[in-house]
Amino acid sequence: MKNNDRLKNVKPGTVAILGIPFDENSSFMKGPARAPRKIIEAMSSESSNMSTEDIIDLGVEPRLLDLGDIEVRNYLDDIERAVSRVLERGASVLSLGGDHSVTYPILRAYGKKYKNLNVLHLDAHPDLYDQLDGDPFSHACPFARVMEEKLAVRLVQVGIRAMNPHQHEQARRFNVETVHMKDWDPSITLVFEGPVYISLDMDVLDPAFAPGVSHHEPGGLSTRDVLRIIRALEAPVVGADIVEYNPCRDPSGITAMVAGKFLKEIAGKMLG
């Protein structure tokens, strides 16, 4: 079934899973374009089950719909259009990348609907470069574009441990709230007023928990740390993306299973 055909089944209150197999803006290594279906396969693996930790059985949840993968020919227009079509039907989108550059066009769509959007960004890297190697749309730049266009009223970044002076200045320029990994405390509670969008880069995790990423950055969060952050959110989660899983570096499938776990728990949070 084509993506447009599946769109007809999207109703208000649906959480639509949308695959975005795009990694052309990766700076170091390709591979995340192969991720969306791998994450879906892991989530539905018979080695586990489809229930969240709050005992929501996603396998029989009619409000969760997999729209499949979109075709990306024009990076900005195709992604923004696909997300907008879902939002226009009163649903929310849980996107599977793809490299982190996909978040910018996703949030362009979200910015049209939500004027008071908070973004919770979980990542080893702040992704605030003005440009990287001459490319303003690199996967290292999405949050500079997001904040320039005022697509979010608040950006909170957690797990950061690879910030350089340029990005530090960018964070100050855009009034970004940063929880550096060196300052991480599991008791930290993140409080938001208004709707929250979660952007989860798999390399926020220490490589011991998620080796299947392009950029190994030691000293990161544990799987349970990330789950605790997600579960503790009290504000409504209106959208999310999971990005930068690289199947090429994950021969055992460990990282796919972690991404599948995050997919289940975020979907459960969005469904309430």
C-alpha atoms as a PDB file:
ATOM      1  CA  MET A   1       0.000   0.000   0.000  1.00  0.00           C
ATOM      2  CA  LYS A   2       1.358   3.393  -0.941  1.00  0.00           C
ATOM      3  CA  ASN A   3       1.904   6.101   1.662  1.00  0.00           C
ATOM      4  CA  ASN A   4      -0.915   8.254   0.237  1.00  0.00           C
ATOM      5  CA  ASP A   5      -3.333   5.337   0.525  1.00  0.00           C
ATOM      6  CA  ARG A   6      -2.419   4.809   4.169  1.00  0.00           C
ATOM      7  CA  LEU A   7      -2.940   8.496   4.836  1.00  0.00           C
ATOM      8  CA  LYS A   8      -6.658   7.967   4.284  1.00  0.00           C
ATOM      9  CA  ASN A   9      -6.706   5.889   7.480  1.00  0.00           C
ATOM     10  CA  VAL A  10      -5.269   8.716   9.602  1.00  0.00           C
ATOM     11  CA  LYS A  11      -7.893  10.089  11.960  1.00  0.00           C
ATOM     12  CA  PRO A  12      -7.751  12.717  14.712  1.00  0.00           C
ATOM     13  CA  GLY A  13      -5.846  11.347  17.689  1.00  0.00           C
ATOM     14  CA  THR A  14      -3.767   8.947  15.593  1.00  0.00           C
ATOM     15  CA  VAL A  15      -0.046   8.622  16.235  1.00  0.00           C
ATOM     16  CA  ALA A  16       1.403   8.071  12.770  1.00  0.00           C
ATOM     17  CA  ILE A  17       4.802   6.446  12.396  1.00  0.00           C
ATOM     18  CA  LEU A  18       6.543   7.923   9.366  1.00  0.00           C
ATOM     19  CA  GLY A  19       9.803   6.559   7.987  1.00  0.00           C
ATOM     20  CA  ILE A  20      12.189   9.123   6.490  1.00  0.00           C
ATOM     21  CA  PRO A  21      15.013   7.120   4.842  1.00  0.00           C
ATOM     22  CA  PHE A  22      17.336  10.042   4.186  1.00  0.00           C
ATOM     23  CA  ASP A  23      21.028  10.445   5.034  1.00  0.00           C
ATOM     24  CA  GLU A  24      22.359  12.692   2.279  1.00  0.00           C
ATOM     25  CA  ASN A  25      23.225  15.385   4.823  1.00  0.00           C
ATOM     26  CA  SER A  26      25.413  13.083   6.923  1.00  0.00           C
ATOM     27  CA  SER A  27      28.912  14.488   7.324  1.00  0.00           C
ATOM     28  CA  PHE A  28      30.879  11.389   8.291  1.00  0.00           C
ATOM     29  CA  MET A  29      29.183   8.144   7.312  1.00  0.00           C
ATOM     30  CA  LYS A  30      26.099   7.076   5.380  1.00  0.00           C
ATOM     31  CA  GLY A  31      23.776   4.365   6.648  1.00  0.00           C
ATOM     32  CA  PRO A  32      20.909   5.973   8.626  1.00  0.00           C
ATOM     33  CA  ALA A  33      18.722   5.920   5.503  1.00  0.00           C
ATOM     34  CA  ARG A  34      18.423   2.168   6.096  1.00  0.00           C
ATOM     35  CA  ALA A  35      17.159   2.646   9.636  1.00  0.00           C
ATOM     36  CA  PRO A  36      13.361   3.123   9.560  1.00  0.00           C
ATOM     37  CA  ARG A  37      12.302  -0.406   8.617  1.00  0.00           C
ATOM     38  CA  LYS A  38      15.014  -1.908  10.849  1.00  0.00           C
ATOM     39  CA  ILE A  39      13.557  -0.056  13.824  1.00  0.00           C
ATOM     40  CA  ILE A  40      10.035  -1.224  12.972  1.00  0.00           C
ATOM     41  CA  GLU A  41      11.272  -4.813  12.663  1.00  0.00           C
ATOM     42  CA  ALA A  42      12.977  -4.577  16.040  1.00  0.00           C
ATOM     43  CA  MET A  43       9.894  -3.126  17.716  1.00  0.00           C
ATOM     44  CA  SER A  44       7.767  -6.009  16.446  1.00  0.00           C
ATOM     45  CA  SER A  45      10.399  -8.707  17.014  1.00  0.00           C
ATOM     46  CA  GLU A  46       9.050 -11.962  18.410  1.00  0.00           C
ATOM     47  CA  SER A  47      11.909 -11.898  20.921  1.00  0.00           C
ATOM     48  CA  SER A  48       9.870  -9.319  22.848  1.00  0.00           C
ATOM     49  CA  ASN A  49       6.293  -8.036  22.651  1.00  0.00           C
ATOM     50  CA  MET A  50       4.446  -4.883  21.653  1.00  0.00           C
ATOM     51  CA  SER A  51       3.547  -3.704  25.142  1.00  0.00           C
ATOM     52  CA  THR A  52       4.984  -0.567  26.737  1.00  0.00           C
ATOM     53  CA  GLU A  53       6.188  -0.462  30.321  1.00  0.00           C
ATOM     54  CA  ASP A  54       2.802   1.046  31.218  1.00  0.00           C
ATOM     55  CA  ILE A  55       1.184  -2.095  29.764  1.00  0.00           C
ATOM     56  CA  ILE A  56      -0.244  -0.460  26.656  1.00  0.00           C
ATOM     57  CA  ASP A  57      -0.396  -3.175  23.991  1.00  0.00           C
ATOM     58  CA  LEU A  58       0.582  -1.309  20.841  1.00  0.00           C
ATOM     59  CA  GLY A  59      -0.057  -4.429  18.785  1.00  0.00           C
ATOM     60  CA  VAL A  60      -3.807  -3.926  19.197  1.00  0.00           C
ATOM     61  CA  GLU A  61      -3.828  -0.138  19.587  1.00  0.00           C
ATOM     62  CA  PRO A  62      -5.993   1.270  16.764  1.00  0.00           C
ATOM     63  CA  ARG A  63      -4.645   4.807  17.253  1.00  0.00           C
ATOM     64  CA  LEU A  64      -1.099   3.768  16.237  1.00  0.00           C
ATOM     65  CA  LEU A  65      -0.591   3.614  12.473  1.00  0.00           C
ATOM     66  CA  ASP A  66       2.543   2.846  10.457  1.00  0.00           C
ATOM     67  CA  LEU A  67       2.473   4.954   7.294  1.00  0.00           C
ATOM     68  CA  GLY A  68       5.597   3.346   5.866  1.00  0.00           C
ATOM     69  CA  ASP A  69       8.521   5.272   4.375  1.00  0.00           C
ATOM     70  CA  ILE A  70       8.277   8.403   2.270  1.00  0.00           C
ATOM     71  CA  GLU A  71      10.355   9.017  -0.838  1.00  0.00           C
ATOM     72  CA  VAL A  72      12.663  11.993  -0.426  1.00  0.00           C
ATOM     73  CA  ARG A  73      13.702  13.702  -3.633  1.00  0.00           C
ATOM     74  CA  ASN A  74      13.572  17.290  -2.441  1.00  0.00           C
ATOM     75  CA  TYR A  75      14.891  17.255   1.126  1.00  0.00           C
ATOM     76  CA  LEU A  76      12.994  20.216   2.567  1.00  0.00           C
ATOM     77  CA  ASP A  77       9.762  20.133   0.587  1.00  0.00           C
ATOM     78  CA  ASP A  78       9.078  16.394   0.596  1.00  0.00           C
ATOM     79  CA  ILE A  79       9.609  15.926   4.338  1.00  0.00           C
ATOM     80  CA  GLU A  80       7.724  19.051   5.371  1.00  0.00           C
ATOM     81  CA  ARG A  81       4.824  18.185   3.047  1.00  0.00           C
ATOM     82  CA  ALA A  82       4.544  14.600   4.300  1.00  0.00           C
ATOM     83  CA  VAL A  83       4.445  15.680   7.944  1.00  0.00           C
ATOM     84  CA  SER A  84       2.030  18.542   7.246  1.00  0.00           C
ATOM     85  CA  ARG A  85      -0.438  16.177   5.587  1.00  0.00           C
ATOM     86  CA  VAL A  86      -0.598  14.076   8.738  1.00  0.00           C
ATOM     87  CA  LEU A  87      -0.900  17.071  11.063  1.00  0.00           C
ATOM     88  CA  GLU A  88      -3.707  18.498   8.934  1.00  0.00           C
ATOM     89  CA  ARG A  89      -5.741  15.381   9.728  1.00  0.00           C
ATOM     90  CA  GLY A  90      -5.524  16.041  13.465  1.00  0.00           C
ATOM     91  CA  ALA A  91      -2.892  13.365  14.088  1.00  0.00           C
ATOM     92  CA  SER A  92       0.645  13.523  15.451  1.00  0.00           C
ATOM     93  CA  VAL A  93       3.822  12.203  13.845  1.00  0.00           C
ATOM     94  CA  LEU A  94       6.514   9.925  15.235  1.00  0.00           C
ATOM     95  CA  SER A  95       9.241  10.011  12.591  1.00  0.00           C
ATOM     96  CA  LEU A  96      12.048   7.518  12.076  1.00  0.00           C
ATOM     97  CA  GLY A  97      15.184   8.862  10.390  1.00  0.00           C
ATOM     98  CA  GLY A  98      17.426   9.120   8.719  1.00  0.00           C
ATOM     99  CA  ASP A  99      20.123  11.557   9.757  1.00  0.00           C
ATOM    100  CA  HIS A 100      19.361  14.451  12.079  1.00  0.00           C
ATOM    101  CA  SER A 101      18.848  16.930   9.273  1.00  0.00           C
ATOM    102  CA  VAL A 102      15.305  15.540   8.880  1.00  0.00           C
ATOM    103  CA  THR A 103      14.265  17.295  12.095  1.00  0.00           C
ATOM    104  CA  TYR A 104      14.409  20.756  10.528  1.00  0.00           C
ATOM    105  CA  PRO A 105      11.740  20.191   7.825  1.00  0.00           C
ATOM    106  CA  ILE A 106       9.662  18.195  10.320  1.00  0.00           C
ATOM    107  CA  LEU A 107       9.648  21.175  12.667  1.00  0.00           C
ATOM    108  CA  ARG A 108       8.830  23.526   9.815  1.00  0.00           C
ATOM    109  CA  ALA A 109       5.590  21.571   9.527  1.00  0.00           C
ATOM    110  CA  TYR A 110       5.053  21.539  13.284  1.00  0.00           C
ATOM    111  CA  GLY A 111       5.769  25.266  13.527  1.00  0.00           C
ATOM    112  CA  LYS A 112       2.719  25.993  11.374  1.00  0.00           C
ATOM    113  CA  LYS A 113       0.438  24.241  13.846  1.00  0.00           C
ATOM    114  CA  TYR A 114       2.075  24.938  17.207  1.00  0.00           C
ATOM    115  CA  LYS A 115       3.142  28.493  18.028  1.00  0.00           C
ATOM    116  CA  ASN A 116       4.290  27.584  21.538  1.00  0.00           C
ATOM    117  CA  LEU A 117       6.276  24.431  20.829  1.00  0.00           C
ATOM    118  CA  ASN A 118       8.972  23.219  23.210  1.00  0.00           C
ATOM    119  CA  VAL A 119      11.703  20.971  21.823  1.00  0.00           C
ATOM    120  CA  LEU A 120      13.491  18.401  23.968  1.00  0.00           C
ATOM    121  CA  HIS A 121      16.639  17.379  22.119  1.00  0.00           C
ATOM    122  CA  LEU A 122      18.531  14.296  23.348  1.00  0.00           C
ATOM    123  CA  ASP A 123      21.948  14.060  21.714  1.00  0.00           C
ATOM    124  CA  ALA A 124      25.703  13.897  22.211  1.00  0.00           C
ATOM    125  CA  HIS A 125      26.000  16.879  19.847  1.00  0.00           C
ATOM    126  CA  PRO A 126      24.153  20.217  19.946  1.00  0.00           C
ATOM    127  CA  ASP A 127      23.760  20.326  16.131  1.00  0.00           C
ATOM    128  CA  LEU A 128      23.909  24.115  16.217  1.00  0.00           C
ATOM    129  CA  TYR A 129      26.546  24.777  13.548  1.00  0.00           C
ATOM    130  CA  ASP A 130      25.705  27.719  11.337  1.00  0.00           C
ATOM    131  CA  GLN A 131      27.122  25.554   8.547  1.00  0.00           C
ATOM    132  CA  LEU A 132      29.434  22.574   8.327  1.00  0.00           C
ATOM    133  CA  ASP A 133      31.805  22.272   5.382  1.00  0.00           C
ATOM    134  CA  GLY A 134      29.759  24.936   3.614  1.00  0.00           C
ATOM    135  CA  ASP A 135      26.459  23.092   4.097  1.00  0.00           C
ATOM    136  CA  PRO A 136      23.815  24.912   6.175  1.00  0.00           C
ATOM    137  CA  PHE A 137      21.568  21.843   5.984  1.00  0.00           C
ATOM    138  CA  SER A 138      24.105  19.350   7.347  1.00  0.00           C
ATOM    139  CA  HIS A 139      22.907  17.005  10.067  1.00  0.00           C
ATOM    140  CA  ALA A 140      25.136  19.111  12.331  1.00  0.00           C
ATOM    141  CA  CYS A 141      22.995  22.245  11.710  1.00  0.00           C
ATOM    142  CA  PRO A 142      19.252  21.554  12.140  1.00  0.00           C
ATOM    143  CA  PHE A 143      18.753  23.359  15.427  1.00  0.00           C
ATOM    144  CA  ALA A 144      20.443  26.515  14.171  1.00  0.00           C
ATOM    145  CA  ARG A 145      17.859  26.594  11.392  1.00  0.00           C
ATOM    146  CA  VAL A 146      15.021  25.755  13.806  1.00  0.00           C
ATOM    147  CA  MET A 147      15.923  28.565  16.185  1.00  0.00           C
ATOM    148  CA  GLU A 148      16.584  31.082  13.401  1.00  0.00           C
ATOM    149  CA  GLU A 149      13.067  30.534  12.116  1.00  0.00           C
ATOM    150  CA  LYS A 150      11.618  30.598  15.650  1.00  0.00           C
ATOM    151  CA  LEU A 151       9.989  27.214  15.168  1.00  0.00           C
ATOM    152  CA  ALA A 152      10.310  26.553  18.907  1.00  0.00           C
ATOM    153  CA  VAL A 153       9.841  28.857  21.864  1.00  0.00           C
ATOM    154  CA  ARG A 154      12.229  26.771  23.950  1.00  0.00           C
ATOM    155  CA  LEU A 155      15.016  24.330  23.107  1.00  0.00           C
ATOM    156  CA  VAL A 156      16.365  22.076  25.861  1.00  0.00           C
ATOM    157  CA  GLN A 157      19.331  19.860  24.975  1.00  0.00           C
ATOM    158  CA  VAL A 158      20.289  16.899  27.175  1.00  0.00           C
ATOM    159  CA  GLY A 159      23.321  14.614  27.009  1.00  0.00           C
ATOM    160  CA  ILE A 160      25.627  17.080  25.245  1.00  0.00           C
ATOM    161  CA  ARG A 161      29.316  16.166  25.414  1.00  0.00           C
ATOM    162  CA  ALA A 162      30.811  17.338  22.103  1.00  0.00           C
ATOM    163  CA  MET A 163      30.143  21.076  22.078  1.00  0.00           C
ATOM    164  CA  ASN A 164      32.868  23.262  20.534  1.00  0.00           C
ATOM    165  CA  PRO A 165      33.329  27.042  20.992  1.00  0.00           C
ATOM    166  CA  HIS A 166      31.321  27.927  17.876  1.00  0.00           C
ATOM    167  CA  GLN A 167      28.332  25.885  18.986  1.00  0.00           C
ATOM    168  CA  HIS A 168      28.691  27.256  22.502  1.00  0.00           C
ATOM    169  CA  GLU A 169      28.276  30.753  21.092  1.00  0.00           C
ATOM    170  CA  GLN A 170      25.333  29.571  19.017  1.00  0.00           C
ATOM    171  CA  ALA A 171      23.693  28.165  22.136  1.00  0.00           C
ATOM    172  CA  ARG A 172      24.095  31.521  23.855  1.00  0.00           C
ATOM    173  CA  ARG A 173      22.783  33.338  20.779  1.00  0.00           C
ATOM    174  CA  PHE A 174      19.609  31.253  20.667  1.00  0.00           C
ATOM    175  CA  ASN A 175      19.145  31.019  24.445  1.00  0.00           C
ATOM    176  CA  VAL A 176      19.397  27.226  24.356  1.00  0.00           C
ATOM    177  CA  GLU A 177      19.156  25.414  27.693  1.00  0.00           C
ATOM    178  CA  THR A 178      21.906  22.798  27.812  1.00  0.00           C
ATOM    179  CA  VAL A 179      22.275  19.886  30.216  1.00  0.00           C
ATOM    180  CA  HIS A 180      25.861  18.839  29.568  1.00  0.00           C
ATOM    181  CA  MET A 181      26.691  15.212  30.207  1.00  0.00           C
ATOM    182  CA  LYS A 182      29.368  16.236  32.711  1.00  0.00           C
ATOM    183  CA  ASP A 183      26.578  17.796  34.782  1.00  0.00           C
ATOM    184  CA  TRP A 184      24.050  14.998  34.343  1.00  0.00           C
ATOM    185  CA  ASP A 185      22.197  13.813  37.423  1.00  0.00           C
ATOM    186  CA  PRO A 186      19.477  11.154  37.088  1.00  0.00           C
ATOM    187  CA  SER A 187      17.359  13.097  39.554  1.00  0.00           C
ATOM    188  CA  ILE A 188      17.069  16.056  37.148  1.00  0.00           C
ATOM    189  CA  THR A 189      13.429  16.774  36.279  1.00  0.00           C
ATOM    190  CA  LEU A 190      12.601  18.621  33.072  1.00  0.00           C
ATOM    191  CA  VAL A 191       9.521  20.819  33.351  1.00  0.00           C
ATOM    192  CA  PHE A 192       7.752  22.217  30.292  1.00  0.00           C
ATOM    193  CA  GLU A 193       4.743  24.459  29.838  1.00  0.00           C
ATOM    194  CA  GLY A 194       2.932  23.707  26.620  1.00  0.00           C
ATOM    195  CA  PRO A 195       3.394  20.994  23.995  1.00  0.00           C
ATOM    196  CA  VAL A 196       6.689  19.123  23.685  1.00  0.00           C
ATOM    197  CA  TYR A 197       8.409  17.677  20.634  1.00  0.00           C
ATOM    198  CA  ILE A 198      11.129  15.068  21.327  1.00  0.00           C
ATOM    199  CA  SER A 199      14.118  14.728  18.991  1.00  0.00           C
ATOM    200  CA  LEU A 200      16.109  11.659  20.009  1.00  0.00           C
ATOM    201  CA  ASP A 201      19.499  11.086  18.411  1.00  0.00           C
ATOM    202  CA  MET A 202      20.628   7.555  19.209  1.00  0.00           C
ATOM    203  CA  ASP A 203      24.166   8.720  19.934  1.00  0.00           C
ATOM    204  CA  VAL A 204      22.917  10.422  23.093  1.00  0.00           C
ATOM    205  CA  LEU A 205      23.515   6.971  24.530  1.00  0.00           C
ATOM    206  CA  ASP A 206      26.935   5.796  25.571  1.00  0.00           C
ATOM    207  CA  PRO A 207      28.290   3.546  22.769  1.00  0.00           C
ATOM    208  CA  ALA A 208      28.160   0.637  25.218  1.00  0.00           C
ATOM    209  CA  PHE A 209      24.353   0.811  24.945  1.00  0.00           C
ATOM    210  CA  ALA A 210      24.119   1.815  21.275  1.00  0.00           C
ATOM    211  CA  PRO A 211      27.144   0.906  19.135  1.00  0.00           C
ATOM    212  CA  GLY A 212      25.099   1.175  15.928  1.00  0.00           C
ATOM    213  CA  VAL A 213      25.573   4.884  15.319  1.00  0.00           C
ATOM    214  CA  SER A 214      27.879   6.794  12.988  1.00  0.00           C
ATOM    215  CA  HIS A 215      29.439   8.952  15.696  1.00  0.00           C
ATOM    216  CA  HIS A 216      30.658   7.076  18.780  1.00  0.00           C
ATOM    217  CA  GLU A 217      30.889   9.567  21.633  1.00  0.00           C
ATOM    218  CA  PRO A 218      31.830   7.891  24.941  1.00  0.00           C
ATOM    219  CA  GLY A 219      30.423   8.979  28.266  1.00  0.00           C
ATOM    220  CA  GLY A 220      26.747   9.178  27.394  1.00  0.00           C
ATOM    221  CA  LEU A 221      23.395   8.327  28.912  1.00  0.00           C
ATOM    222  CA  SER A 222      22.204   4.811  29.592  1.00  0.00           C
ATOM    223  CA  THR A 223      19.096   3.333  28.014  1.00  0.00           C
ATOM    224  CA  ARG A 224      17.304   3.614  31.353  1.00  0.00           C
ATOM    225  CA  ASP A 225      18.338   7.280  31.703  1.00  0.00           C
ATOM    226  CA  VAL A 226      16.602   8.096  28.417  1.00  0.00           C
ATOM    227  CA  LEU A 227      13.513   6.098  29.337  1.00  0.00           C
ATOM    228  CA  ARG A 228      13.365   7.888  32.682  1.00  0.00           C
ATOM    229  CA  ILE A 229      13.477  11.286  30.937  1.00  0.00           C
ATOM    230  CA  ILE A 230      10.660  10.309  28.571  1.00  0.00           C
ATOM    231  CA  ARG A 231       8.494   8.792  31.295  1.00  0.00           C
ATOM    232  CA  ALA A 232       8.904  11.808  33.594  1.00  0.00           C
ATOM    233  CA  LEU A 233       7.503  14.295  31.073  1.00  0.00           C
ATOM    234  CA  GLU A 234       4.177  15.699  32.255  1.00  0.00           C
ATOM    235  CA  ALA A 235       3.521  18.087  29.374  1.00  0.00           C
ATOM    236  CA  PRO A 236       1.773  16.669  26.266  1.00  0.00           C
ATOM    237  CA  VAL A 237       4.151  15.084  23.758  1.00  0.00           C
ATOM    238  CA  VAL A 238       2.790  16.081  20.345  1.00  0.00           C
ATOM    239  CA  GLY A 239       5.532  14.685  18.118  1.00  0.00           C
ATOM    240  CA  ALA A 240       8.915  13.027  18.047  1.00  0.00           C
ATOM    241  CA  ASP A 241      11.702  11.699  15.897  1.00  0.00           C
ATOM    242  CA  ILE A 242      14.291   8.977  16.413  1.00  0.00           C
ATOM    243  CA  VAL A 243      17.350   9.590  14.246  1.00  0.00           C
ATOM    244  CA  GLU A 244      20.942   8.605  13.487  1.00  0.00           C
ATOM    245  CA  TYR A 245      20.603   4.855  14.002  1.00  0.00           C
ATOM    246  CA  ASN A 246      23.058   3.309  11.547  1.00  0.00           C
ATOM    247  CA  PRO A 247      22.365  -0.370  10.745  1.00  0.00           C
ATOM    248  CA  CYS A 248      25.744  -0.598   8.991  1.00  0.00           C
ATOM    249  CA  ARG A 249      27.416  -0.440  12.407  1.00  0.00           C
ATOM    250  CA  ASP A 250      24.948  -2.722  14.156  1.00  0.00           C
ATOM    251  CA  PRO A 251      25.530  -6.297  12.933  1.00  0.00           C
ATOM    252  CA  SER A 252      24.089  -7.860  16.089  1.00  0.00           C
ATOM    253  CA  GLY A 253      20.974  -5.678  16.054  1.00  0.00           C
ATOM    254  CA  ILE A 254      21.476  -4.454  19.631  1.00  0.00           C
ATOM    255  CA  THR A 255      20.991  -0.796  18.746  1.00  0.00           C
ATOM    256  CA  ALA A 256      17.937  -1.586  16.635  1.00  0.00           C
ATOM    257  CA  MET A 257      16.316  -3.180  19.676  1.00  0.00           C
ATOM    258  CA  VAL A 258      17.097  -0.101  21.765  1.00  0.00           C
ATOM    259  CA  ALA A 259      15.597   2.155  19.084  1.00  0.00           C
ATOM    260  CA  GLY A 260      12.561  -0.123  18.919  1.00  0.00           C
ATOM    261  CA  LYS A 261      12.188   0.160  22.693  1.00  0.00           C
ATOM    262  CA  PHE A 262      12.309   3.960  22.472  1.00  0.00           C
ATOM    263  CA  LEU A 263       9.748   3.851  19.667  1.00  0.00           C
ATOM    264  CA  LYS A 264       7.342   1.885  21.840  1.00  0.00           C
ATOM    265  CA  GLU A 265       7.750   4.066  24.901  1.00  0.00           C
ATOM    266  CA  ILE A 266       7.482   7.366  23.017  1.00  0.00           C
ATOM    267  CA  ALA A 267       4.426   6.107  21.149  1.00  0.00           C
ATOM    268  CA  GLY A 268       2.875   5.116  24.455  1.00  0.00           C
ATOM    269  CA  LYS A 269       3.618   8.570  25.863  1.00  0.00           C
ATOM    270  CA  MET A 270       2.080  10.283  22.844  1.00  0.00           C
ATOM    271  CA  LEU A 271      -1.028   8.112  23.051  1.00  0.00           C
ATOM    272  CA  GLY A 272      -1.395   8.978  26.717  1.00  0.00           C
END
